[in-house]
Amino acid sequence: MTTMSVARIADALQRDFSSTANQLRQESRLVKAESQRCLDAAAALDRLAATVREVDPTLLVAYHELVAEAADRSRHAELLREAAFGGKITTASEYIFAYISDRTGGG
């Protein structure tokens, strides 16, 4: 079991969504041709951040236990960008399900 509180896990996930969204906004200034695409992806992550408080606490704990190692955090960063640009994930819960599935070899 984790020693981090569910509220802190939720805060960290929300910060990850927001931080990646801000990185994409910065990126949009550098890549003029892809600017709107980056801004749309940032907005998608903002929407995910807004749904973090709706995530089931047990799901947050399961996610946190899987994102402990450096390789897991690296994959988390990759999946954040995939979620942002893919448009298929619309809630933080969906993102966590996708992350857990990816990290545990689920389909």
PDB file of N, CA and C in Angstrom:
ATOM      1  N   MET A   1       0.841  -1.183   0.000  1.00  0.00           N
ATOM      2  CA  MET A   1       0.000   0.000   0.000  1.00  0.00           C
ATOM      3  C   MET A   1       0.883   1.241   0.000  1.00  0.00           C
ATOM      4  N   THR A   2       0.376   2.278  -0.531  1.00  0.00           N
ATOM      5  CA  THR A   2       1.135   3.511  -0.655  1.00  0.00           C
ATOM      6  C   THR A   2       1.123   4.328   0.644  1.00  0.00           C
ATOM      7  N   THR A   3       2.180   5.072   0.844  1.00  0.00           N
ATOM      8  CA  THR A   3       2.226   5.960   2.001  1.00  0.00           C
ATOM      9  C   THR A   3       1.730   7.361   1.626  1.00  0.00           C
ATOM     10  N   MET A   4       1.530   7.603   0.358  1.00  0.00           N
ATOM     11  CA  MET A   4       1.047   8.893  -0.112  1.00  0.00           C
ATOM     12  C   MET A   4      -0.481   8.905  -0.036  1.00  0.00           C
ATOM     13  N   SER A   5      -1.051  10.001   0.423  1.00  0.00           N
ATOM     14  CA  SER A   5      -2.506  10.088   0.530  1.00  0.00           C
ATOM     15  C   SER A   5      -3.140  10.166  -0.858  1.00  0.00           C
ATOM     16  N   VAL A   6      -4.377   9.749  -0.929  1.00  0.00           N
ATOM     17  CA  VAL A   6      -5.120   9.802  -2.180  1.00  0.00           C
ATOM     18  C   VAL A   6      -5.192  11.235  -2.694  1.00  0.00           C
ATOM     19  N   ALA A   7      -5.381  12.192  -1.804  1.00  0.00           N
ATOM     20  CA  ALA A   7      -5.447  13.598  -2.218  1.00  0.00           C
ATOM     21  C   ALA A   7      -4.130  14.046  -2.855  1.00  0.00           C
ATOM     22  N   ARG A   8      -3.021  13.609  -2.289  1.00  0.00           N
ATOM     23  CA  ARG A   8      -1.715  13.985  -2.863  1.00  0.00           C
ATOM     24  C   ARG A   8      -1.486  13.302  -4.209  1.00  0.00           C
ATOM     25  N   ILE A   9      -1.946  12.065  -4.344  1.00  0.00           N
ATOM     26  CA  ILE A   9      -1.837  11.368  -5.633  1.00  0.00           C
ATOM     27  C   ILE A   9      -2.651  12.122  -6.677  1.00  0.00           C
ATOM     28  N   ALA A  10      -3.870  12.510  -6.313  1.00  0.00           N
ATOM     29  CA  ALA A  10      -4.729  13.262  -7.237  1.00  0.00           C
ATOM     30  C   ALA A  10      -4.082  14.593  -7.608  1.00  0.00           C
ATOM     31  N   ASP A  11      -3.519  15.280  -6.619  1.00  0.00           N
ATOM     32  CA  ASP A  11      -2.843  16.557  -6.894  1.00  0.00           C
ATOM     33  C   ASP A  11      -1.684  16.369  -7.864  1.00  0.00           C
ATOM     34  N   ALA A  12      -0.906  15.321  -7.658  1.00  0.00           N
ATOM     35  CA  ALA A  12       0.244  15.057  -8.525  1.00  0.00           C
ATOM     36  C   ALA A  12      -0.212  14.763  -9.955  1.00  0.00           C
ATOM     37  N   LEU A  13      -1.259  13.964 -10.096  1.00  0.00           N
ATOM     38  CA  LEU A  13      -1.769  13.649 -11.434  1.00  0.00           C
ATOM     39  C   LEU A  13      -2.315  14.912 -12.100  1.00  0.00           C
ATOM     40  N   GLN A  14      -3.035  15.701 -11.352  1.00  0.00           N
ATOM     41  CA  GLN A  14      -3.571  16.942 -11.893  1.00  0.00           C
ATOM     42  C   GLN A  14      -2.435  17.876 -12.338  1.00  0.00           C
ATOM     43  N   ARG A  15      -1.376  17.946 -11.542  1.00  0.00           N
ATOM     44  CA  ARG A  15      -0.198  18.752 -11.914  1.00  0.00           C
ATOM     45  C   ARG A  15       0.446  18.209 -13.190  1.00  0.00           C
ATOM     46  N   ASP A  16       0.513  16.882 -13.323  1.00  0.00           N
ATOM     47  CA  ASP A  16       1.091  16.292 -14.535  1.00  0.00           C
ATOM     48  C   ASP A  16       0.302  16.690 -15.772  1.00  0.00           C
ATOM     49  N   PHE A  17      -1.034  16.598 -15.679  1.00  0.00           N
ATOM     50  CA  PHE A  17      -1.864  17.013 -16.810  1.00  0.00           C
ATOM     51  C   PHE A  17      -1.627  18.487 -17.125  1.00  0.00           C
ATOM     52  N   SER A  18      -1.665  19.328 -16.125  1.00  0.00           N
ATOM     53  CA  SER A  18      -1.513  20.775 -16.320  1.00  0.00           C
ATOM     54  C   SER A  18      -0.123  21.147 -16.813  1.00  0.00           C
ATOM     55  N   SER A  19       0.895  20.516 -16.262  1.00  0.00           N
ATOM     56  CA  SER A  19       2.273  20.794 -16.677  1.00  0.00           C
ATOM     57  C   SER A  19       2.494  20.410 -18.136  1.00  0.00           C
ATOM     58  N   THR A  20       1.990  19.256 -18.520  1.00  0.00           N
ATOM     59  CA  THR A  20       2.144  18.824 -19.913  1.00  0.00           C
ATOM     60  C   THR A  20       1.353  19.758 -20.832  1.00  0.00           C
ATOM     61  N   ALA A  21       0.182  20.186 -20.403  1.00  0.00           N
ATOM     62  CA  ALA A  21      -0.599  21.142 -21.194  1.00  0.00           C
ATOM     63  C   ALA A  21       0.191  22.435 -21.386  1.00  0.00           C
ATOM     64  N   ASN A  22       0.821  22.904 -20.338  1.00  0.00           N
ATOM     65  CA  ASN A  22       1.623  24.129 -20.442  1.00  0.00           C
ATOM     66  C   ASN A  22       2.828  23.945 -21.355  1.00  0.00           C
ATOM     67  N   GLN A  23       3.451  22.766 -21.305  1.00  0.00           N
ATOM     68  CA  GLN A  23       4.565  22.480 -22.218  1.00  0.00           C
ATOM     69  C   GLN A  23       4.091  22.529 -23.667  1.00  0.00           C
ATOM     70  N   LEU A  24       2.902  21.995 -23.913  1.00  0.00           N
ATOM     71  CA  LEU A  24       2.363  22.019 -25.271  1.00  0.00           C
ATOM     72  C   LEU A  24       2.042  23.440 -25.726  1.00  0.00           C
ATOM     73  N   ARG A  25       1.599  24.268 -24.815  1.00  0.00           N
ATOM     74  CA  ARG A  25       1.353  25.675 -25.168  1.00  0.00           C
ATOM     75  C   ARG A  25       2.662  26.367 -25.550  1.00  0.00           C
ATOM     76  N   GLN A  26       3.718  26.078 -24.792  1.00  0.00           N
ATOM     77  CA  GLN A  26       5.037  26.625 -25.121  1.00  0.00           C
ATOM     78  C   GLN A  26       5.495  26.109 -26.484  1.00  0.00           C
ATOM     79  N   GLU A  27       5.294  24.820 -26.705  1.00  0.00           N
ATOM     80  CA  GLU A  27       5.680  24.198 -27.974  1.00  0.00           C
ATOM     81  C   GLU A  27       4.932  24.842 -29.140  1.00  0.00           C
ATOM     82  N   SER A  28       3.669  25.211 -28.918  1.00  0.00           N
ATOM     83  CA  SER A  28       2.861  25.798 -29.993  1.00  0.00           C
ATOM     84  C   SER A  28       3.466  27.102 -30.501  1.00  0.00           C
ATOM     85  N   ARG A  29       4.189  27.792 -29.641  1.00  0.00           N
ATOM     86  CA  ARG A  29       4.832  29.053 -30.045  1.00  0.00           C
ATOM     87  C   ARG A  29       6.049  28.806 -30.930  1.00  0.00           C
ATOM     88  N   LEU A  30       6.627  27.612 -30.798  1.00  0.00           N
ATOM     89  CA  LEU A  30       7.839  27.292 -31.555  1.00  0.00           C
ATOM     90  C   LEU A  30       7.542  26.641 -32.900  1.00  0.00           C
ATOM     91  N   VAL A  31       6.471  25.904 -32.970  1.00  0.00           N
ATOM     92  CA  VAL A  31       6.139  25.172 -34.197  1.00  0.00           C
ATOM     93  C   VAL A  31       4.878  25.768 -34.817  1.00  0.00           C
ATOM     94  N   LYS A  32       5.062  26.848 -35.504  1.00  0.00           N
ATOM     95  CA  LYS A  32       3.935  27.609 -36.045  1.00  0.00           C
ATOM     96  C   LYS A  32       2.984  26.743 -36.870  1.00  0.00           C
ATOM     97  N   ALA A  33       3.517  25.861 -37.688  1.00  0.00           N
ATOM     98  CA  ALA A  33       2.671  25.040 -38.555  1.00  0.00           C
ATOM     99  C   ALA A  33       1.772  24.103 -37.747  1.00  0.00           C
ATOM    100  N   GLU A  34       2.225  23.696 -36.581  1.00  0.00           N
ATOM    101  CA  GLU A  34       1.467  22.775 -35.726  1.00  0.00           C
ATOM    102  C   GLU A  34       0.869  23.472 -34.509  1.00  0.00           C
ATOM    103  N   SER A  35       0.866  24.783 -34.524  1.00  0.00           N
ATOM    104  CA  SER A  35       0.452  25.559 -33.359  1.00  0.00           C
ATOM    105  C   SER A  35      -0.946  25.177 -32.864  1.00  0.00           C
ATOM    106  N   GLN A  36      -1.926  25.157 -33.748  1.00  0.00           N
ATOM    107  CA  GLN A  36      -3.297  24.863 -33.318  1.00  0.00           C
ATOM    108  C   GLN A  36      -3.414  23.437 -32.806  1.00  0.00           C
ATOM    109  N   ARG A  37      -2.710  22.525 -33.412  1.00  0.00           N
ATOM    110  CA  ARG A  37      -2.739  21.129 -32.959  1.00  0.00           C
ATOM    111  C   ARG A  37      -2.214  21.020 -31.526  1.00  0.00           C
ATOM    112  N   CYS A  38      -1.143  21.734 -31.230  1.00  0.00           N
ATOM    113  CA  CYS A  38      -0.595  21.750 -29.865  1.00  0.00           C
ATOM    114  C   CYS A  38      -1.564  22.393 -28.884  1.00  0.00           C
ATOM    115  N   LEU A  39      -2.202  23.467 -29.303  1.00  0.00           N
ATOM    116  CA  LEU A  39      -3.169  24.143 -28.431  1.00  0.00           C
ATOM    117  C   LEU A  39      -4.388  23.263 -28.162  1.00  0.00           C
ATOM    118  N   ASP A  40      -4.829  22.531 -29.175  1.00  0.00           N
ATOM    119  CA  ASP A  40      -5.952  21.607 -28.991  1.00  0.00           C
ATOM    120  C   ASP A  40      -5.565  20.481 -28.036  1.00  0.00           C
ATOM    121  N   ALA A  41      -4.339  19.985 -28.164  1.00  0.00           N
ATOM    122  CA  ALA A  41      -3.859  18.927 -27.276  1.00  0.00           C
ATOM    123  C   ALA A  41      -3.757  19.435 -25.839  1.00  0.00           C
ATOM    124  N   ALA A  42      -3.301  20.659 -25.673  1.00  0.00           N
ATOM    125  CA  ALA A  42      -3.228  21.262 -24.335  1.00  0.00           C
ATOM    126  C   ALA A  42      -4.624  21.386 -23.726  1.00  0.00           C
ATOM    127  N   ALA A  43      -5.582  21.778 -24.530  1.00  0.00           N
ATOM    128  CA  ALA A  43      -6.964  21.893 -24.039  1.00  0.00           C
ATOM    129  C   ALA A  43      -7.510  20.530 -23.626  1.00  0.00           C
ATOM    130  N   ALA A  44      -7.144  19.490 -24.353  1.00  0.00           N
ATOM    131  CA  ALA A  44      -7.581  18.135 -23.988  1.00  0.00           C
ATOM    132  C   ALA A  44      -7.024  17.749 -22.618  1.00  0.00           C
ATOM    133  N   LEU A  45      -5.764  18.091 -22.369  1.00  0.00           N
ATOM    134  CA  LEU A  45      -5.172  17.788 -21.063  1.00  0.00           C
ATOM    135  C   LEU A  45      -5.796  18.636 -19.958  1.00  0.00           C
ATOM    136  N   ASP A  46      -6.161  19.856 -20.261  1.00  0.00           N
ATOM    137  CA  ASP A  46      -6.872  20.691 -19.279  1.00  0.00           C
ATOM    138  C   ASP A  46      -8.193  20.028 -18.884  1.00  0.00           C
ATOM    139  N   ARG A  47      -8.881  19.441 -19.866  1.00  0.00           N
ATOM    140  CA  ARG A  47     -10.140  18.750 -19.570  1.00  0.00           C
ATOM    141  C   ARG A  47      -9.891  17.526 -18.695  1.00  0.00           C
ATOM    142  N   LEU A  48      -8.800  16.805 -18.945  1.00  0.00           N
ATOM    143  CA  LEU A  48      -8.472  15.659 -18.093  1.00  0.00           C
ATOM    144  C   LEU A  48      -8.178  16.124 -16.667  1.00  0.00           C
ATOM    145  N   ALA A  49      -7.420  17.203 -16.550  1.00  0.00           N
ATOM    146  CA  ALA A  49      -7.088  17.739 -15.220  1.00  0.00           C
ATOM    147  C   ALA A  49      -8.348  18.094 -14.448  1.00  0.00           C
ATOM    148  N   ALA A  50      -9.344  18.583 -15.148  1.00  0.00           N
ATOM    149  CA  ALA A  50     -10.585  18.993 -14.489  1.00  0.00           C
ATOM    150  C   ALA A  50     -11.397  17.806 -13.963  1.00  0.00           C
ATOM    151  N   THR A  51     -11.069  16.588 -14.400  1.00  0.00           N
ATOM    152  CA  THR A  51     -11.840  15.412 -13.968  1.00  0.00           C
ATOM    153  C   THR A  51     -11.111  14.556 -12.930  1.00  0.00           C
ATOM    154  N   VAL A  52      -9.943  14.972 -12.488  1.00  0.00           N
ATOM    155  CA  VAL A  52      -9.153  14.159 -11.557  1.00  0.00           C
ATOM    156  C   VAL A  52      -9.905  13.877 -10.265  1.00  0.00           C
ATOM    157  N   ARG A  53     -10.621  14.840  -9.748  1.00  0.00           N
ATOM    158  CA  ARG A  53     -11.341  14.660  -8.470  1.00  0.00           C
ATOM    159  C   ARG A  53     -12.475  13.644  -8.569  1.00  0.00           C
ATOM    160  N   GLU A  54     -12.836  13.251  -9.777  1.00  0.00           N
ATOM    161  CA  GLU A  54     -13.898  12.264  -9.979  1.00  0.00           C
ATOM    162  C   GLU A  54     -13.377  10.829  -9.987  1.00  0.00           C
ATOM    163  N   VAL A  55     -12.061  10.656  -9.966  1.00  0.00           N
ATOM    164  CA  VAL A  55     -11.458   9.328 -10.055  1.00  0.00           C
ATOM    165  C   VAL A  55     -11.662   8.567  -8.744  1.00  0.00           C
ATOM    166  N   ASP A  56     -12.021   7.305  -8.868  1.00  0.00           N
ATOM    167  CA  ASP A  56     -12.183   6.439  -7.700  1.00  0.00           C
ATOM    168  C   ASP A  56     -10.847   6.358  -6.951  1.00  0.00           C
ATOM    169  N   PRO A  57     -10.858   6.540  -5.639  1.00  0.00           N
ATOM    170  CA  PRO A  57      -9.620   6.522  -4.852  1.00  0.00           C
ATOM    171  C   PRO A  57      -8.800   5.236  -5.012  1.00  0.00           C
ATOM    172  N   THR A  58      -9.446   4.087  -5.116  1.00  0.00           N
ATOM    173  CA  THR A  58      -8.689   2.838  -5.282  1.00  0.00           C
ATOM    174  C   THR A  58      -7.970   2.805  -6.624  1.00  0.00           C
ATOM    175  N   LEU A  59      -8.565   3.431  -7.629  1.00  0.00           N
ATOM    176  CA  LEU A  59      -7.924   3.525  -8.936  1.00  0.00           C
ATOM    177  C   LEU A  59      -6.700   4.433  -8.865  1.00  0.00           C
ATOM    178  N   LEU A  60      -6.806   5.525  -8.129  1.00  0.00           N
ATOM    179  CA  LEU A  60      -5.654   6.423  -7.943  1.00  0.00           C
ATOM    180  C   LEU A  60      -4.502   5.704  -7.247  1.00  0.00           C
ATOM    181  N   VAL A  61      -4.815   4.906  -6.237  1.00  0.00           N
ATOM    182  CA  VAL A  61      -3.774   4.166  -5.512  1.00  0.00           C
ATOM    183  C   VAL A  61      -3.112   3.142  -6.436  1.00  0.00           C
ATOM    184  N   ALA A  62      -3.904   2.434  -7.222  1.00  0.00           N
ATOM    185  CA  ALA A  62      -3.339   1.447  -8.160  1.00  0.00           C
ATOM    186  C   ALA A  62      -2.421   2.135  -9.166  1.00  0.00           C
ATOM    187  N   TYR A  63      -2.856   3.273  -9.674  1.00  0.00           N
ATOM    188  CA  TYR A  63      -2.027   4.052 -10.599  1.00  0.00           C
ATOM    189  C   TYR A  63      -0.709   4.464  -9.934  1.00  0.00           C
ATOM    190  N   HIS A  64      -0.812   5.000  -8.729  1.00  0.00           N
ATOM    191  CA  HIS A  64       0.372   5.480  -8.016  1.00  0.00           C
ATOM    192  C   HIS A  64       1.383   4.357  -7.789  1.00  0.00           C
ATOM    193  N   GLU A  65       0.908   3.183  -7.469  1.00  0.00           N
ATOM    194  CA  GLU A  65       1.811   2.062  -7.215  1.00  0.00           C
ATOM    195  C   GLU A  65       2.535   1.620  -8.480  1.00  0.00           C
ATOM    196  N   LEU A  66       1.961   1.900  -9.643  1.00  0.00           N
ATOM    197  CA  LEU A  66       2.597   1.525 -10.906  1.00  0.00           C
ATOM    198  C   LEU A  66       3.530   2.590 -11.463  1.00  0.00           C
ATOM    199  N   VAL A  67       3.428   3.816 -10.996  1.00  0.00           N
ATOM    200  CA  VAL A  67       4.212   4.908 -11.575  1.00  0.00           C
ATOM    201  C   VAL A  67       5.443   5.220 -10.723  1.00  0.00           C
ATOM    202  N   ALA A  68       5.931   4.236 -10.006  1.00  0.00           N
ATOM    203  CA  ALA A  68       7.009   4.447  -9.035  1.00  0.00           C
ATOM    204  C   ALA A  68       8.403   4.512  -9.655  1.00  0.00           C
ATOM    205  N   GLU A  69       8.675   3.726 -10.649  1.00  0.00           N
ATOM    206  CA  GLU A  69      10.021   3.641 -11.228  1.00  0.00           C
ATOM    207  C   GLU A  69      10.225   4.672 -12.340  1.00  0.00           C
ATOM    208  N   ALA A  70      11.472   4.962 -12.642  1.00  0.00           N
ATOM    209  CA  ALA A  70      11.799   5.953 -13.682  1.00  0.00           C
ATOM    210  C   ALA A  70      11.210   5.559 -15.033  1.00  0.00           C
ATOM    211  N   ALA A  71      11.292   4.284 -15.386  1.00  0.00           N
ATOM    212  CA  ALA A  71      10.735   3.832 -16.667  1.00  0.00           C
ATOM    213  C   ALA A  71       9.222   4.044 -16.696  1.00  0.00           C
ATOM    214  N   ASP A  72       8.571   3.851 -15.549  1.00  0.00           N
ATOM    215  CA  ASP A  72       7.133   4.059 -15.467  1.00  0.00           C
ATOM    216  C   ASP A  72       6.792   5.532 -15.634  1.00  0.00           C
ATOM    217  N   ARG A  73       7.570   6.399 -15.030  1.00  0.00           N
ATOM    218  CA  ARG A  73       7.327   7.842 -15.161  1.00  0.00           C
ATOM    219  C   ARG A  73       7.579   8.299 -16.600  1.00  0.00           C
ATOM    220  N   SER A  74       8.572   7.702 -17.232  1.00  0.00           N
ATOM    221  CA  SER A  74       8.853   8.032 -18.625  1.00  0.00           C
ATOM    222  C   SER A  74       7.681   7.613 -19.516  1.00  0.00           C
ATOM    223  N   ARG A  75       7.161   6.431 -19.278  1.00  0.00           N
ATOM    224  CA  ARG A  75       6.017   5.955 -20.061  1.00  0.00           C
ATOM    225  C   ARG A  75       4.787   6.817 -19.774  1.00  0.00           C
ATOM    226  N   HIS A  76       4.633   7.237 -18.528  1.00  0.00           N
ATOM    227  CA  HIS A  76       3.541   8.130 -18.152  1.00  0.00           C
ATOM    228  C   HIS A  76       3.619   9.409 -18.984  1.00  0.00           C
ATOM    229  N   ALA A  77       4.797   9.981 -19.124  1.00  0.00           N
ATOM    230  CA  ALA A  77       4.970  11.203 -19.915  1.00  0.00           C
ATOM    231  C   ALA A  77       4.605  10.956 -21.377  1.00  0.00           C
ATOM    232  N   GLU A  78       5.001   9.799 -21.903  1.00  0.00           N
ATOM    233  CA  GLU A  78       4.654   9.455 -23.287  1.00  0.00           C
ATOM    234  C   GLU A  78       3.142   9.309 -23.452  1.00  0.00           C
ATOM    235  N   LEU A  79       2.521   8.619 -22.500  1.00  0.00           N
ATOM    236  CA  LEU A  79       1.079   8.404 -22.582  1.00  0.00           C
ATOM    237  C   LEU A  79       0.287   9.705 -22.421  1.00  0.00           C
ATOM    238  N   LEU A  80       0.810  10.634 -21.629  1.00  0.00           N
ATOM    239  CA  LEU A  80       0.156  11.938 -21.511  1.00  0.00           C
ATOM    240  C   LEU A  80       0.078  12.614 -22.874  1.00  0.00           C
ATOM    241  N   ARG A  81       1.169  12.582 -23.604  1.00  0.00           N
ATOM    242  CA  ARG A  81       1.183  13.202 -24.931  1.00  0.00           C
ATOM    243  C   ARG A  81       0.281  12.439 -25.897  1.00  0.00           C
ATOM    244  N   GLU A  82       0.302  11.113 -25.814  1.00  0.00           N
ATOM    245  CA  GLU A  82      -0.583  10.316 -26.662  1.00  0.00           C
ATOM    246  C   GLU A  82      -2.046  10.635 -26.370  1.00  0.00           C
ATOM    247  N   ALA A  83      -2.373  10.769 -25.090  1.00  0.00           N
ATOM    248  CA  ALA A  83      -3.745  11.110 -24.708  1.00  0.00           C
ATOM    249  C   ALA A  83      -4.114  12.495 -25.229  1.00  0.00           C
ATOM    250  N   ALA A  84      -3.184  13.414 -25.146  1.00  0.00           N
ATOM    251  CA  ALA A  84      -3.429  14.781 -25.590  1.00  0.00           C
ATOM    252  C   ALA A  84      -3.700  14.849 -27.084  1.00  0.00           C
ATOM    253  N   PHE A  85      -2.901  14.162 -27.855  1.00  0.00           N
ATOM    254  CA  PHE A  85      -3.023  14.236 -29.309  1.00  0.00           C
ATOM    255  C   PHE A  85      -3.990  13.206 -29.881  1.00  0.00           C
ATOM    256  N   GLY A  86      -4.244  12.140 -29.132  1.00  0.00           N
ATOM    257  CA  GLY A  86      -5.099  11.066 -29.640  1.00  0.00           C
ATOM    258  C   GLY A  86      -6.580  11.379 -29.619  1.00  0.00           C
ATOM    259  N   GLY A  87      -7.013  12.113 -28.618  1.00  0.00           N
ATOM    260  CA  GLY A  87      -8.406  12.499 -28.545  1.00  0.00           C
ATOM    261  C   GLY A  87      -9.388  11.421 -28.119  1.00  0.00           C
ATOM    262  N   LYS A  88      -8.894  10.232 -27.794  1.00  0.00           N
ATOM    263  CA  LYS A  88      -9.799   9.144 -27.418  1.00  0.00           C
ATOM    264  C   LYS A  88     -10.077   9.121 -25.921  1.00  0.00           C
ATOM    265  N   ILE A  89      -9.162   9.636 -25.132  1.00  0.00           N
ATOM    266  CA  ILE A  89      -9.307   9.633 -23.680  1.00  0.00           C
ATOM    267  C   ILE A  89      -9.921  10.963 -23.266  1.00  0.00           C
ATOM    268  N   THR A  90     -11.056  10.890 -22.553  1.00  0.00           N
ATOM    269  CA  THR A  90     -11.775  12.118 -22.236  1.00  0.00           C
ATOM    270  C   THR A  90     -11.869  12.414 -20.740  1.00  0.00           C
ATOM    271  N   THR A  91     -11.429  11.484 -19.895  1.00  0.00           N
ATOM    272  CA  THR A  91     -11.460  11.715 -18.447  1.00  0.00           C
ATOM    273  C   THR A  91     -10.179  11.196 -17.819  1.00  0.00           C
ATOM    274  N   ALA A  92      -9.894  11.675 -16.627  1.00  0.00           N
ATOM    275  CA  ALA A  92      -8.726  11.191 -15.895  1.00  0.00           C
ATOM    276  C   ALA A  92      -8.856   9.697 -15.597  1.00  0.00           C
ATOM    277  N   SER A  93     -10.058   9.240 -15.299  1.00  0.00           N
ATOM    278  CA  SER A  93     -10.274   7.810 -15.043  1.00  0.00           C
ATOM    279  C   SER A  93      -9.900   6.975 -16.266  1.00  0.00           C
ATOM    280  N   GLU A  94     -10.326   7.415 -17.442  1.00  0.00           N
ATOM    281  CA  GLU A  94      -9.972   6.704 -18.670  1.00  0.00           C
ATOM    282  C   GLU A  94      -8.455   6.689 -18.859  1.00  0.00           C
ATOM    283  N   TYR A  95      -7.812   7.809 -18.556  1.00  0.00           N
ATOM    284  CA  TYR A  95      -6.360   7.859 -18.678  1.00  0.00           C
ATOM    285  C   TYR A  95      -5.712   6.833 -17.736  1.00  0.00           C
ATOM    286  N   ILE A  96      -6.169   6.786 -16.502  1.00  0.00           N
ATOM    287  CA  ILE A  96      -5.579   5.855 -15.532  1.00  0.00           C
ATOM    288  C   ILE A  96      -5.808   4.416 -15.968  1.00  0.00           C
ATOM    289  N   PHE A  97      -7.012   4.098 -16.454  1.00  0.00           N
ATOM    290  CA  PHE A  97      -7.267   2.740 -16.965  1.00  0.00           C
ATOM    291  C   PHE A  97      -6.291   2.414 -18.104  1.00  0.00           C
ATOM    292  N   ALA A  98      -6.084   3.361 -19.016  1.00  0.00           N
ATOM    293  CA  ALA A  98      -5.153   3.144 -20.132  1.00  0.00           C
ATOM    294  C   ALA A  98      -3.731   2.968 -19.636  1.00  0.00           C
ATOM    295  N   TYR A  99      -3.320   3.771 -18.648  1.00  0.00           N
ATOM    296  CA  TYR A  99      -1.973   3.665 -18.094  1.00  0.00           C
ATOM    297  C   TYR A  99      -1.786   2.299 -17.420  1.00  0.00           C
ATOM    298  N   ILE A 100      -2.731   1.903 -16.593  1.00  0.00           N
ATOM    299  CA  ILE A 100      -2.623   0.615 -15.899  1.00  0.00           C
ATOM    300  C   ILE A 100      -2.585  -0.525 -16.907  1.00  0.00           C
ATOM    301  N   SER A 101      -3.419  -0.464 -17.908  1.00  0.00           N
ATOM    302  CA  SER A 101      -3.428  -1.495 -18.945  1.00  0.00           C
ATOM    303  C   SER A 101      -2.080  -1.560 -19.666  1.00  0.00           C
ATOM    304  N   ASP A 102      -1.539  -0.404 -20.011  1.00  0.00           N
ATOM    305  CA  ASP A 102      -0.241  -0.335 -20.687  1.00  0.00           C
ATOM    306  C   ASP A 102       0.865  -0.927 -19.825  1.00  0.00           C
ATOM    307  N   ARG A 103       0.888  -0.567 -18.559  1.00  0.00           N
ATOM    308  CA  ARG A 103       1.980  -0.993 -17.668  1.00  0.00           C
ATOM    309  C   ARG A 103       1.864  -2.445 -17.211  1.00  0.00           C
ATOM    310  N   THR A 104       0.662  -3.019 -17.254  1.00  0.00           N
ATOM    311  CA  THR A 104       0.483  -4.392 -16.800  1.00  0.00           C
ATOM    312  C   THR A 104       0.330  -5.380 -17.941  1.00  0.00           C
ATOM    313  N   GLY A 105       0.428  -4.861 -19.170  1.00  0.00           N
ATOM    314  CA  GLY A 105       0.343  -5.744 -20.326  1.00  0.00           C
ATOM    315  C   GLY A 105      -1.074  -6.084 -20.743  1.00  0.00           C
ATOM    316  N   GLY A 106      -2.037  -5.369 -20.198  1.00  0.00           N
ATOM    317  CA  GLY A 106      -3.439  -5.579 -20.589  1.00  0.00           C
ATOM    318  C   GLY A 106      -3.675  -5.047 -21.981  1.00  0.00           C
ATOM    319  N   GLY A 107      -4.708  -5.505 -22.600  1.00  0.00           N
ATOM    320  CA  GLY A 107      -4.996  -5.112 -23.980  1.00  0.00           C
ATOM    321  C   GLY A 107      -5.561  -3.788 -24.050  1.00  0.00           C
TER     322      GLY A 107
END
